[in-house]
């Protein structure tokens, strides 16, 4: 928040969840339901590109500990996080508070 950059070892956890259209009184919207997968991204200068990616697997067979993805397994994560993120290989564009900090601190990538 003070600099617009993430310090080592910042950790982002992504819960991928199922969606339902019939779980709310709002019949035009969708609601999150069961956990489908769990992933993590960790800023770690020891890794290529300065970030490590982890996949804990699908719900029901999720691992307690996951090794960092390497090589071909990590390539899609690195590519997406390089091409489509707004600041420091993170998707701050989907989080208004973080997006505003990155904008104010001048850490947004060109085009955002």
PDB file of N, CA and C in Angstrom:
ATOM      1  N   UNK A   1       0.832  -1.194   0.000  1.00  0.00           N
ATOM      2  CA  UNK A   1       0.000   0.000   0.000  1.00  0.00           C
ATOM      3  C   UNK A   1       0.874   1.254   0.000  1.00  0.00           C
ATOM      4  N   UNK A   2       2.074   1.152   0.578  1.00  0.00           N
ATOM      5  CA  UNK A   2       2.949   2.318   0.673  1.00  0.00           C
ATOM      6  C   UNK A   2       3.752   2.569  -0.599  1.00  0.00           C
ATOM      7  N   UNK A   3       4.035   1.511  -1.371  1.00  0.00           N
ATOM      8  CA  UNK A   3       4.915   1.662  -2.525  1.00  0.00           C
ATOM      9  C   UNK A   3       4.263   1.282  -3.853  1.00  0.00           C
ATOM     10  N   UNK A   4       3.172   0.528  -3.811  1.00  0.00           N
ATOM     11  CA  UNK A   4       2.549   0.046  -5.045  1.00  0.00           C
ATOM     12  C   UNK A   4       3.211  -1.203  -5.591  1.00  0.00           C
ATOM     13  N   UNK A   5       4.168  -1.763  -4.851  1.00  0.00           N
ATOM     14  CA  UNK A   5       4.802  -3.025  -5.248  1.00  0.00           C
ATOM     15  C   UNK A   5       4.616  -4.044  -4.137  1.00  0.00           C
ATOM     16  N   UNK A   6       4.750  -5.306  -4.491  1.00  0.00           N
ATOM     17  CA  UNK A   6       4.570  -6.389  -3.525  1.00  0.00           C
ATOM     18  C   UNK A   6       5.936  -6.815  -2.998  1.00  0.00           C
ATOM     19  N   UNK A   7       6.098  -6.916  -1.681  1.00  0.00           N
ATOM     20  CA  UNK A   7       7.374  -7.392  -1.138  1.00  0.00           C
ATOM     21  C   UNK A   7       7.458  -8.923  -1.200  1.00  0.00           C
ATOM     22  N   UNK A   8       8.697  -9.458  -1.267  1.00  0.00           N
ATOM     23  CA  UNK A   8       8.892 -10.903  -1.058  1.00  0.00           C
ATOM     24  C   UNK A   8       8.481 -11.180   0.375  1.00  0.00           C
ATOM     25  N   UNK A   9       7.782 -12.172   0.730  1.00  0.00           N
ATOM     26  CA  UNK A   9       7.071 -13.162  -0.050  1.00  0.00           C
ATOM     27  C   UNK A   9       5.566 -12.910  -0.030  1.00  0.00           C
ATOM     28  N   UNK A  10       5.068 -11.980  -0.822  1.00  0.00           N
ATOM     29  CA  UNK A  10       3.617 -11.758  -0.917  1.00  0.00           C
ATOM     30  C   UNK A  10       2.960 -13.022  -1.466  1.00  0.00           C
ATOM     31  N   UNK A  11       1.805 -13.370  -0.913  1.00  0.00           N
ATOM     32  CA  UNK A  11       1.109 -14.597  -1.312  1.00  0.00           C
ATOM     33  C   UNK A  11      -0.319 -14.253  -1.722  1.00  0.00           C
ATOM     34  N   UNK A  12      -0.710 -14.747  -2.894  1.00  0.00           N
ATOM     35  CA  UNK A  12      -2.078 -14.607  -3.377  1.00  0.00           C
ATOM     36  C   UNK A  12      -2.675 -15.998  -3.525  1.00  0.00           C
ATOM     37  N   UNK A  13      -3.822 -16.226  -2.927  1.00  0.00           N
ATOM     38  CA  UNK A  13      -4.490 -17.515  -3.008  1.00  0.00           C
ATOM     39  C   UNK A  13      -5.745 -17.350  -3.845  1.00  0.00           C
ATOM     40  N   UNK A  14      -5.908 -18.226  -4.808  1.00  0.00           N
ATOM     41  CA  UNK A  14      -7.072 -18.185  -5.690  1.00  0.00           C
ATOM     42  C   UNK A  14      -7.937 -19.412  -5.451  1.00  0.00           C
ATOM     43  N   UNK A  15      -9.159 -19.161  -5.007  1.00  0.00           N
ATOM     44  CA  UNK A  15     -10.161 -20.218  -4.897  1.00  0.00           C
ATOM     45  C   UNK A  15     -10.977 -20.212  -6.175  1.00  0.00           C
ATOM     46  N   UNK A  16     -10.983 -21.299  -6.880  1.00  0.00           N
ATOM     47  CA  UNK A  16     -11.864 -21.431  -8.042  1.00  0.00           C
ATOM     48  C   UNK A  16     -13.099 -22.179  -7.561  1.00  0.00           C
ATOM     49  N   UNK A  17     -14.258 -21.558  -7.727  1.00  0.00           N
ATOM     50  CA  UNK A  17     -15.498 -22.125  -7.196  1.00  0.00           C
ATOM     51  C   UNK A  17     -16.512 -22.373  -8.298  1.00  0.00           C
ATOM     52  N   UNK A  18     -17.385 -23.306  -8.045  1.00  0.00           N
ATOM     53  CA  UNK A  18     -18.518 -23.552  -8.923  1.00  0.00           C
ATOM     54  C   UNK A  18     -19.469 -22.366  -8.811  1.00  0.00           C
ATOM     55  N   UNK A  19     -20.361 -22.232  -9.764  1.00  0.00           N
ATOM     56  CA  UNK A  19     -21.354 -21.157  -9.731  1.00  0.00           C
ATOM     57  C   UNK A  19     -22.749 -21.749  -9.872  1.00  0.00           C
ATOM     58  N   UNK A  20     -23.708 -21.080  -9.255  1.00  0.00           N
ATOM     59  CA  UNK A  20     -25.107 -21.514  -9.345  1.00  0.00           C
ATOM     60  C   UNK A  20     -25.974 -20.311  -9.691  1.00  0.00           C
ATOM     61  N   UNK A  21     -27.030 -20.554 -10.439  1.00  0.00           N
ATOM     62  CA  UNK A  21     -27.968 -19.480 -10.770  1.00  0.00           C
ATOM     63  C   UNK A  21     -29.233 -19.563  -9.934  1.00  0.00           C
ATOM     64  N   UNK A  22     -29.430 -20.654  -9.222  1.00  0.00           N
ATOM     65  CA  UNK A  22     -30.679 -20.853  -8.473  1.00  0.00           C
ATOM     66  C   UNK A  22     -30.470 -20.840  -6.959  1.00  0.00           C
ATOM     67  N   UNK A  23     -29.356 -20.250  -6.489  1.00  0.00           N
ATOM     68  CA  UNK A  23     -29.057 -20.267  -5.061  1.00  0.00           C
ATOM     69  C   UNK A  23     -29.412 -18.956  -4.363  1.00  0.00           C
ATOM     70  N   UNK A  24     -30.020 -18.025  -5.076  1.00  0.00           N
ATOM     71  CA  UNK A  24     -30.288 -16.713  -4.497  1.00  0.00           C
ATOM     72  C   UNK A  24     -31.668 -16.221  -4.925  1.00  0.00           C
ATOM     73  N   UNK A  25     -32.165 -15.230  -4.228  1.00  0.00           N
ATOM     74  CA  UNK A  25     -33.414 -14.601  -4.641  1.00  0.00           C
ATOM     75  C   UNK A  25     -33.218 -13.791  -5.906  1.00  0.00           C
ATOM     76  N   UNK A  26     -31.962 -13.441  -6.225  1.00  0.00           N
ATOM     77  CA  UNK A  26     -31.629 -12.724  -7.450  1.00  0.00           C
ATOM     78  C   UNK A  26     -31.487 -13.752  -8.573  1.00  0.00           C
ATOM     79  N   UNK A  27     -32.541 -13.961  -9.319  1.00  0.00           N
ATOM     80  CA  UNK A  27     -32.545 -15.005 -10.348  1.00  0.00           C
ATOM     81  C   UNK A  27     -31.762 -14.612 -11.597  1.00  0.00           C
ATOM     82  N   UNK A  28     -31.307 -13.369 -11.691  1.00  0.00           N
ATOM     83  CA  UNK A  28     -30.534 -12.949 -12.858  1.00  0.00           C
ATOM     84  C   UNK A  28     -29.034 -13.071 -12.621  1.00  0.00           C
ATOM     85  N   UNK A  29     -28.621 -13.379 -11.391  1.00  0.00           N
ATOM     86  CA  UNK A  29     -27.204 -13.420 -11.081  1.00  0.00           C
ATOM     87  C   UNK A  29     -26.696 -14.820 -10.817  1.00  0.00           C
ATOM     88  N   UNK A  30     -25.432 -14.894 -10.477  1.00  0.00           N
ATOM     89  CA  UNK A  30     -24.787 -16.154 -10.126  1.00  0.00           C
ATOM     90  C   UNK A  30     -24.196 -16.022  -8.729  1.00  0.00           C
ATOM     91  N   UNK A  31     -24.093 -17.153  -8.050  1.00  0.00           N
ATOM     92  CA  UNK A  31     -23.565 -17.211  -6.701  1.00  0.00           C
ATOM     93  C   UNK A  31     -22.456 -18.252  -6.646  1.00  0.00           C
ATOM     94  N   UNK A  32     -21.406 -17.965  -5.890  1.00  0.00           N
ATOM     95  CA  UNK A  32     -20.353 -18.965  -5.703  1.00  0.00           C
ATOM     96  C   UNK A  32     -20.885 -20.110  -4.869  1.00  0.00           C
ATOM     97  N   UNK A  33     -20.436 -21.313  -5.221  1.00  0.00           N
ATOM     98  CA  UNK A  33     -20.835 -22.489  -4.436  1.00  0.00           C
ATOM     99  C   UNK A  33     -19.580 -23.269  -4.054  1.00  0.00           C
ATOM    100  N   UNK A  34     -19.544 -24.547  -4.350  1.00  0.00           N
ATOM    101  CA  UNK A  34     -18.481 -25.433  -3.886  1.00  0.00           C
ATOM    102  C   UNK A  34     -17.106 -25.082  -4.450  1.00  0.00           C
ATOM    103  N   UNK A  35     -16.094 -25.308  -3.626  1.00  0.00           N
ATOM    104  CA  UNK A  35     -14.715 -25.123  -4.043  1.00  0.00           C
ATOM    105  C   UNK A  35     -14.365 -26.152  -5.111  1.00  0.00           C
ATOM    106  N   UNK A  36     -13.740 -25.704  -6.200  1.00  0.00           N
ATOM    107  CA  UNK A  36     -13.344 -26.600  -7.282  1.00  0.00           C
ATOM    108  C   UNK A  36     -11.836 -26.859  -7.273  1.00  0.00           C
ATOM    109  N   UNK A  37     -11.034 -25.807  -7.173  1.00  0.00           N
ATOM    110  CA  UNK A  37      -9.573 -25.906  -7.162  1.00  0.00           C
ATOM    111  C   UNK A  37      -9.012 -24.837  -6.240  1.00  0.00           C
ATOM    112  N   UNK A  38      -7.764 -25.031  -5.830  1.00  0.00           N
ATOM    113  CA  UNK A  38      -7.065 -24.040  -5.028  1.00  0.00           C
ATOM    114  C   UNK A  38      -5.670 -23.856  -5.625  1.00  0.00           C
ATOM    115  N   UNK A  39      -5.309 -22.593  -5.886  1.00  0.00           N
ATOM    116  CA  UNK A  39      -4.008 -22.271  -6.455  1.00  0.00           C
ATOM    117  C   UNK A  39      -3.390 -21.130  -5.650  1.00  0.00           C
ATOM    118  N   UNK A  40      -2.080 -20.955  -5.772  1.00  0.00           N
ATOM    119  CA  UNK A  40      -1.405 -19.847  -5.101  1.00  0.00           C
ATOM    120  C   UNK A  40      -0.300 -19.296  -5.992  1.00  0.00           C
ATOM    121  N   UNK A  41      -0.044 -18.005  -5.830  1.00  0.00           N
ATOM    122  CA  UNK A  41       1.052 -17.304  -6.491  1.00  0.00           C
ATOM    123  C   UNK A  41       1.844 -16.619  -5.378  1.00  0.00           C
ATOM    124  N   UNK A  42       3.161 -16.818  -5.383  1.00  0.00           N
ATOM    125  CA  UNK A  42       4.009 -16.268  -4.329  1.00  0.00           C
ATOM    126  C   UNK A  42       5.134 -15.465  -4.965  1.00  0.00           C
ATOM    127  N   UNK A  43       5.281 -14.209  -4.543  1.00  0.00           N
ATOM    128  CA  UNK A  43       6.410 -13.421  -5.022  1.00  0.00           C
ATOM    129  C   UNK A  43       7.652 -13.948  -4.323  1.00  0.00           C
ATOM    130  N   UNK A  44       8.596 -14.436  -5.139  1.00  0.00           N
ATOM    131  CA  UNK A  44       9.783 -15.073  -4.592  1.00  0.00           C
ATOM    132  C   UNK A  44      10.924 -14.869  -5.582  1.00  0.00           C
ATOM    133  N   UNK A  45      11.859 -14.025  -5.243  1.00  0.00           N
ATOM    134  CA  UNK A  45      12.933 -13.655  -6.168  1.00  0.00           C
ATOM    135  C   UNK A  45      13.853 -14.819  -6.514  1.00  0.00           C
ATOM    136  N   UNK A  46      13.744 -15.946  -5.825  1.00  0.00           N
ATOM    137  CA  UNK A  46      14.558 -17.120  -6.156  1.00  0.00           C
ATOM    138  C   UNK A  46      14.070 -17.825  -7.415  1.00  0.00           C
ATOM    139  N   UNK A  47      12.837 -17.518  -7.865  1.00  0.00           N
ATOM    140  CA  UNK A  47      12.259 -18.187  -9.023  1.00  0.00           C
ATOM    141  C   UNK A  47      12.405 -17.333 -10.269  1.00  0.00           C
ATOM    142  N   UNK A  48      12.439 -17.990 -11.451  1.00  0.00           N
ATOM    143  CA  UNK A  48      12.448 -17.214 -12.698  1.00  0.00           C
ATOM    144  C   UNK A  48      11.237 -16.280 -12.717  1.00  0.00           C
ATOM    145  N   UNK A  49      11.411 -15.106 -13.215  1.00  0.00           N
ATOM    146  CA  UNK A  49      10.365 -14.087 -13.310  1.00  0.00           C
ATOM    147  C   UNK A  49       9.949 -13.540 -11.950  1.00  0.00           C
ATOM    148  N   UNK A  50      10.556 -14.030 -10.851  1.00  0.00           N
ATOM    149  CA  UNK A  50      10.287 -13.486  -9.524  1.00  0.00           C
ATOM    150  C   UNK A  50       9.021 -13.970  -8.847  1.00  0.00           C
ATOM    151  N   UNK A  51       8.344 -14.950  -9.444  1.00  0.00           N
ATOM    152  CA  UNK A  51       7.104 -15.474  -8.868  1.00  0.00           C
ATOM    153  C   UNK A  51       7.093 -16.994  -8.963  1.00  0.00           C
ATOM    154  N   UNK A  52       6.475 -17.643  -7.976  1.00  0.00           N
ATOM    155  CA  UNK A  52       6.275 -19.093  -8.003  1.00  0.00           C
ATOM    156  C   UNK A  52       4.776 -19.360  -8.015  1.00  0.00           C
ATOM    157  N   UNK A  53       4.380 -20.408  -8.724  1.00  0.00           N
ATOM    158  CA  UNK A  53       2.968 -20.774  -8.856  1.00  0.00           C
ATOM    159  C   UNK A  53       2.760 -22.174  -8.295  1.00  0.00           C
ATOM    160  N   UNK A  54       1.657 -22.356  -7.578  1.00  0.00           N
ATOM    161  CA  UNK A  54       1.358 -23.620  -6.911  1.00  0.00           C
ATOM    162  C   UNK A  54      -0.066 -24.045  -7.249  1.00  0.00           C
ATOM    163  N   UNK A  55      -0.264 -25.340  -7.439  1.00  0.00           N
ATOM    164  CA  UNK A  55      -1.588 -25.895  -7.696  1.00  0.00           C
ATOM    165  C   UNK A  55      -1.824 -26.977  -6.651  1.00  0.00           C
ATOM    166  N   UNK A  56      -2.803 -26.749  -5.783  1.00  0.00           N
ATOM    167  CA  UNK A  56      -3.097 -27.698  -4.713  1.00  0.00           C
ATOM    168  C   UNK A  56      -4.094 -28.769  -5.153  1.00  0.00           C
ATOM    169  N   UNK A  57      -4.579 -28.668  -6.389  1.00  0.00           N
ATOM    170  CA  UNK A  57      -5.434 -29.712  -6.938  1.00  0.00           C
ATOM    171  C   UNK A  57      -6.911 -29.451  -6.735  1.00  0.00           C
ATOM    172  N   UNK A  58      -7.703 -30.379  -7.229  1.00  0.00           N
ATOM    173  CA  UNK A  58      -9.157 -30.227  -7.139  1.00  0.00           C
ATOM    174  C   UNK A  58      -9.681 -30.543  -5.739  1.00  0.00           C
ATOM    175  N   UNK A  59     -10.794 -29.931  -5.423  1.00  0.00           N
ATOM    176  CA  UNK A  59     -11.468 -30.223  -4.155  1.00  0.00           C
ATOM    177  C   UNK A  59     -11.734 -31.715  -4.080  1.00  0.00           C
ATOM    178  N   UNK A  60     -11.665 -32.254  -2.900  1.00  0.00           N
ATOM    179  CA  UNK A  60     -11.885 -33.686  -2.717  1.00  0.00           C
ATOM    180  C   UNK A  60     -10.589 -34.478  -2.757  1.00  0.00           C
ATOM    181  N   UNK A  61      -9.605 -33.993  -3.512  1.00  0.00           N
ATOM    182  CA  UNK A  61      -8.293 -34.651  -3.535  1.00  0.00           C
ATOM    183  C   UNK A  61      -7.185 -33.608  -3.418  1.00  0.00           C
ATOM    184  N   UNK A  62      -7.507 -32.499  -2.778  1.00  0.00           N
ATOM    185  CA  UNK A  62      -6.574 -31.393  -2.632  1.00  0.00           C
ATOM    186  C   UNK A  62      -5.400 -31.799  -1.736  1.00  0.00           C
ATOM    187  N   UNK A  63      -4.205 -31.358  -2.122  1.00  0.00           N
ATOM    188  CA  UNK A  63      -3.003 -31.631  -1.336  1.00  0.00           C
ATOM    189  C   UNK A  63      -2.833 -30.567  -0.254  1.00  0.00           C
ATOM    190  N   UNK A  64      -2.276 -30.965   0.899  1.00  0.00           N
ATOM    191  CA  UNK A  64      -1.948 -30.004   1.961  1.00  0.00           C
ATOM    192  C   UNK A  64      -0.710 -29.199   1.589  1.00  0.00           C
ATOM    193  N   UNK A  65       0.208 -29.817   0.855  1.00  0.00           N
ATOM    194  CA  UNK A  65       1.447 -29.173   0.431  1.00  0.00           C
ATOM    195  C   UNK A  65       1.598 -29.404  -1.066  1.00  0.00           C
ATOM    196  N   UNK A  66       1.964 -28.365  -1.780  1.00  0.00           N
ATOM    197  CA  UNK A  66       2.146 -28.484  -3.228  1.00  0.00           C
ATOM    198  C   UNK A  66       3.531 -27.956  -3.596  1.00  0.00           C
ATOM    199  N   UNK A  67       4.238 -28.661  -4.470  1.00  0.00           N
ATOM    200  CA  UNK A  67       5.516 -28.131  -4.939  1.00  0.00           C
ATOM    201  C   UNK A  67       5.254 -27.014  -5.943  1.00  0.00           C
ATOM    202  N   UNK A  68       6.215 -26.103  -6.104  1.00  0.00           N
ATOM    203  CA  UNK A  68       6.023 -25.057  -7.117  1.00  0.00           C
ATOM    204  C   UNK A  68       5.988 -25.677  -8.513  1.00  0.00           C
ATOM    205  N   UNK A  69       5.157 -25.115  -9.371  1.00  0.00           N
ATOM    206  CA  UNK A  69       5.118 -25.565 -10.761  1.00  0.00           C
ATOM    207  C   UNK A  69       6.425 -25.162 -11.429  1.00  0.00           C
ATOM    208  N   UNK A  70       6.923 -26.037 -12.291  1.00  0.00           N
ATOM    209  CA  UNK A  70       8.182 -25.757 -12.971  1.00  0.00           C
ATOM    210  C   UNK A  70       8.048 -26.055 -14.454  1.00  0.00           C
ATOM    211  N   UNK A  71       8.911 -25.462 -15.251  1.00  0.00           N
ATOM    212  CA  UNK A  71       9.002 -25.752 -16.676  1.00  0.00           C
ATOM    213  C   UNK A  71       7.691 -25.587 -17.410  1.00  0.00           C
ATOM    214  N   UNK A  72       7.304 -26.640 -18.157  1.00  0.00           N
ATOM    215  CA  UNK A  72       6.077 -26.601 -18.960  1.00  0.00           C
ATOM    216  C   UNK A  72       4.827 -26.406 -18.107  1.00  0.00           C
ATOM    217  N   UNK A  73       4.841 -26.885 -16.864  1.00  0.00           N
ATOM    218  CA  UNK A  73       3.676 -26.695 -15.993  1.00  0.00           C
ATOM    219  C   UNK A  73       3.504 -25.229 -15.613  1.00  0.00           C
ATOM    220  N   UNK A  74       4.589 -24.523 -15.395  1.00  0.00           N
ATOM    221  CA  UNK A  74       4.520 -23.117 -14.983  1.00  0.00           C
ATOM    222  C   UNK A  74       4.337 -22.173 -16.160  1.00  0.00           C
ATOM    223  N   UNK A  75       4.700 -22.610 -17.369  1.00  0.00           N
ATOM    224  CA  UNK A  75       4.693 -21.724 -18.541  1.00  0.00           C
ATOM    225  C   UNK A  75       3.359 -21.018 -18.772  1.00  0.00           C
ATOM    226  N   UNK A  76       2.208 -21.704 -18.720  1.00  0.00           N
ATOM    227  CA  UNK A  76       0.940 -20.990 -18.936  1.00  0.00           C
ATOM    228  C   UNK A  76       0.672 -19.929 -17.860  1.00  0.00           C
ATOM    229  N   UNK A  77       1.066 -20.202 -16.628  1.00  0.00           N
ATOM    230  CA  UNK A  77       0.880 -19.214 -15.553  1.00  0.00           C
ATOM    231  C   UNK A  77       1.741 -17.990 -15.814  1.00  0.00           C
ATOM    232  N   UNK A  78       3.016 -18.216 -16.116  1.00  0.00           N
ATOM    233  CA  UNK A  78       3.936 -17.105 -16.368  1.00  0.00           C
ATOM    234  C   UNK A  78       3.460 -16.288 -17.560  1.00  0.00           C
ATOM    235  N   UNK A  79       3.042 -16.960 -18.627  1.00  0.00           N
ATOM    236  CA  UNK A  79       2.588 -16.257 -19.830  1.00  0.00           C
ATOM    237  C   UNK A  79       1.368 -15.386 -19.537  1.00  0.00           C
ATOM    238  N   UNK A  80       0.372 -15.957 -18.887  1.00  0.00           N
ATOM    239  CA  UNK A  80      -0.854 -15.210 -18.589  1.00  0.00           C
ATOM    240  C   UNK A  80      -0.570 -14.051 -17.634  1.00  0.00           C
ATOM    241  N   UNK A  81       0.217 -14.309 -16.585  1.00  0.00           N
ATOM    242  CA  UNK A  81       0.512 -13.277 -15.604  1.00  0.00           C
ATOM    243  C   UNK A  81       1.442 -12.200 -16.157  1.00  0.00           C
ATOM    244  N   UNK A  82       2.138 -12.487 -17.244  1.00  0.00           N
ATOM    245  CA  UNK A  82       2.976 -11.490 -17.902  1.00  0.00           C
ATOM    246  C   UNK A  82       2.141 -10.640 -18.858  1.00  0.00           C
ATOM    247  N   UNK A  83       1.260 -11.282 -19.618  1.00  0.00           N
ATOM    248  CA  UNK A  83       0.476 -10.589 -20.642  1.00  0.00           C
ATOM    249  C   UNK A  83      -0.728  -9.821 -20.118  1.00  0.00           C
ATOM    250  N   UNK A  84      -1.416 -10.350 -19.123  1.00  0.00           N
ATOM    251  CA  UNK A  84      -2.751  -9.840 -18.801  1.00  0.00           C
ATOM    252  C   UNK A  84      -2.903  -9.152 -17.453  1.00  0.00           C
ATOM    253  N   UNK A  85      -1.839  -9.038 -16.691  1.00  0.00           N
ATOM    254  CA  UNK A  85      -1.973  -8.428 -15.371  1.00  0.00           C
ATOM    255  C   UNK A  85      -1.637  -6.942 -15.415  1.00  0.00           C
ATOM    256  N   UNK A  86      -2.210  -6.202 -14.493  1.00  0.00           N
ATOM    257  CA  UNK A  86      -2.062  -4.749 -14.492  1.00  0.00           C
ATOM    258  C   UNK A  86      -0.835  -4.263 -13.724  1.00  0.00           C
ATOM    259  N   UNK A  87      -0.389  -5.013 -12.744  1.00  0.00           N
ATOM    260  CA  UNK A  87       0.757  -4.560 -11.936  1.00  0.00           C
ATOM    261  C   UNK A  87       1.501  -5.759 -11.374  1.00  0.00           C
ATOM    262  N   UNK A  88       2.791  -5.810 -11.618  1.00  0.00           N
ATOM    263  CA  UNK A  88       3.660  -6.821 -11.016  1.00  0.00           C
ATOM    264  C   UNK A  88       3.133  -8.241 -11.141  1.00  0.00           C
ATOM    265  N   UNK A  89       2.700  -8.632 -12.289  1.00  0.00           N
ATOM    266  CA  UNK A  89       2.179  -9.991 -12.538  1.00  0.00           C
ATOM    267  C   UNK A  89       1.016 -10.360 -11.604  1.00  0.00           C
ATOM    268  N   UNK A  90       0.274  -9.342 -11.170  1.00  0.00           N
ATOM    269  CA  UNK A  90      -0.926  -9.595 -10.360  1.00  0.00           C
ATOM    270  C   UNK A  90      -2.126  -8.893 -10.998  1.00  0.00           C
ATOM    271  N   UNK A  91      -3.285  -9.480 -10.807  1.00  0.00           N
ATOM    272  CA  UNK A  91      -4.520  -8.994 -11.433  1.00  0.00           C
ATOM    273  C   UNK A  91      -5.197  -7.916 -10.590  1.00  0.00           C
ATOM    274  N   UNK A  92      -4.456  -6.846 -10.284  1.00  0.00           N
ATOM    275  CA  UNK A  92      -5.037  -5.776  -9.465  1.00  0.00           C
ATOM    276  C   UNK A  92      -6.199  -5.089 -10.168  1.00  0.00           C
ATOM    277  N   UNK A  93      -6.305  -5.242 -11.482  1.00  0.00           N
ATOM    278  CA  UNK A  93      -7.398  -4.591 -12.201  1.00  0.00           C
ATOM    279  C   UNK A  93      -8.777  -5.096 -11.751  1.00  0.00           C
ATOM    280  N   UNK A  94      -8.824  -6.234 -11.066  1.00  0.00           N
ATOM    281  CA  UNK A  94     -10.096  -6.780 -10.584  1.00  0.00           C
ATOM    282  C   UNK A  94     -10.377  -6.425  -9.125  1.00  0.00           C
ATOM    283  N   UNK A  95      -9.487  -5.642  -8.519  1.00  0.00           N
ATOM    284  CA  UNK A  95      -9.616  -5.263  -7.114  1.00  0.00           C
ATOM    285  C   UNK A  95      -9.472  -3.746  -7.019  1.00  0.00           C
ATOM    286  N   UNK A  96     -10.589  -3.015  -6.973  1.00  0.00           N
ATOM    287  CA  UNK A  96     -10.548  -1.553  -7.064  1.00  0.00           C
ATOM    288  C   UNK A  96      -9.590  -0.874  -6.085  1.00  0.00           C
ATOM    289  N   UNK A  97      -9.500  -1.340  -4.867  1.00  0.00           N
ATOM    290  CA  UNK A  97      -8.606  -0.702  -3.897  1.00  0.00           C
ATOM    291  C   UNK A  97      -7.149  -0.871  -4.317  1.00  0.00           C
ATOM    292  N   UNK A  98      -6.762  -2.088  -4.702  1.00  0.00           N
ATOM    293  CA  UNK A  98      -5.385  -2.340  -5.121  1.00  0.00           C
ATOM    294  C   UNK A  98      -5.074  -1.642  -6.439  1.00  0.00           C
ATOM    295  N   UNK A  99      -6.040  -1.600  -7.340  1.00  0.00           N
ATOM    296  CA  UNK A  99      -5.849  -0.911  -8.620  1.00  0.00           C
ATOM    297  C   UNK A  99      -5.565   0.572  -8.387  1.00  0.00           C
ATOM    298  N   UNK A 100      -6.300   1.179  -7.489  1.00  0.00           N
ATOM    299  CA  UNK A 100      -6.100   2.601  -7.203  1.00  0.00           C
ATOM    300  C   UNK A 100      -4.719   2.851  -6.596  1.00  0.00           C
ATOM    301  N   UNK A 101      -4.262   1.970  -5.729  1.00  0.00           N
ATOM    302  CA  UNK A 101      -2.922   2.123  -5.148  1.00  0.00           C
ATOM    303  C   UNK A 101      -1.871   2.036  -6.249  1.00  0.00           C
ATOM    304  N   UNK A 102      -1.975   1.043  -7.128  1.00  0.00           N
ATOM    305  CA  UNK A 102      -1.008   0.895  -8.220  1.00  0.00           C
ATOM    306  C   UNK A 102      -1.051   2.102  -9.156  1.00  0.00           C
ATOM    307  N   UNK A 103      -2.243   2.618  -9.424  1.00  0.00           N
ATOM    308  CA  UNK A 103      -2.358   3.806 -10.277  1.00  0.00           C
ATOM    309  C   UNK A 103      -1.682   5.006  -9.608  1.00  0.00           C
ATOM    310  N   UNK A 104      -1.991   5.218  -8.341  1.00  0.00           N
ATOM    311  CA  UNK A 104      -1.444   6.358  -7.610  1.00  0.00           C
ATOM    312  C   UNK A 104       0.078   6.269  -7.467  1.00  0.00           C
ATOM    313  N   UNK A 105       0.611   5.061  -7.304  1.00  0.00           N
ATOM    314  CA  UNK A 105       2.045   4.873  -7.119  1.00  0.00           C
ATOM    315  C   UNK A 105       2.813   4.737  -8.446  1.00  0.00           C
ATOM    316  N   UNK A 106       2.063   4.701  -9.556  1.00  0.00           N
ATOM    317  CA  UNK A 106       2.713   4.617 -10.866  1.00  0.00           C
ATOM    318  C   UNK A 106       3.263   3.253 -11.206  1.00  0.00           C
ATOM    319  N   UNK A 107       2.694   2.185 -10.627  1.00  0.00           N
ATOM    320  CA  UNK A 107       3.190   0.835 -10.900  1.00  0.00           C
ATOM    321  C   UNK A 107       2.314   0.052 -11.873  1.00  0.00           C
ATOM    322  N   UNK A 108       1.282   0.695 -12.433  1.00  0.00           N
ATOM    323  CA  UNK A 108       0.453   0.036 -13.443  1.00  0.00           C
ATOM    324  C   UNK A 108       1.259  -0.133 -14.736  1.00  0.00           C
ATOM    325  N   UNK A 109       1.056  -1.260 -15.427  1.00  0.00           N
ATOM    326  CA  UNK A 109       1.683  -1.457 -16.719  1.00  0.00           C
ATOM    327  C   UNK A 109       1.043  -0.520 -17.737  1.00  0.00           C
ATOM    328  N   UNK A 110       1.789  -0.140 -18.770  1.00  0.00           N
ATOM    329  CA  UNK A 110       1.206   0.688 -19.834  1.00  0.00           C
ATOM    330  C   UNK A 110      -0.047   0.019 -20.404  1.00  0.00           C
ATOM    331  N   UNK A 111      -1.045   0.805 -20.681  1.00  0.00           N
ATOM    332  CA  UNK A 111      -2.298   0.270 -21.211  1.00  0.00           C
ATOM    333  C   UNK A 111      -3.385   0.088 -20.174  1.00  0.00           C
ATOM    334  N   UNK A 112      -3.011   0.205 -18.895  1.00  0.00           N
ATOM    335  CA  UNK A 112      -4.020   0.076 -17.850  1.00  0.00           C
ATOM    336  C   UNK A 112      -4.295   1.434 -17.312  1.00  0.00           C
TER     337      UNK A 112
END
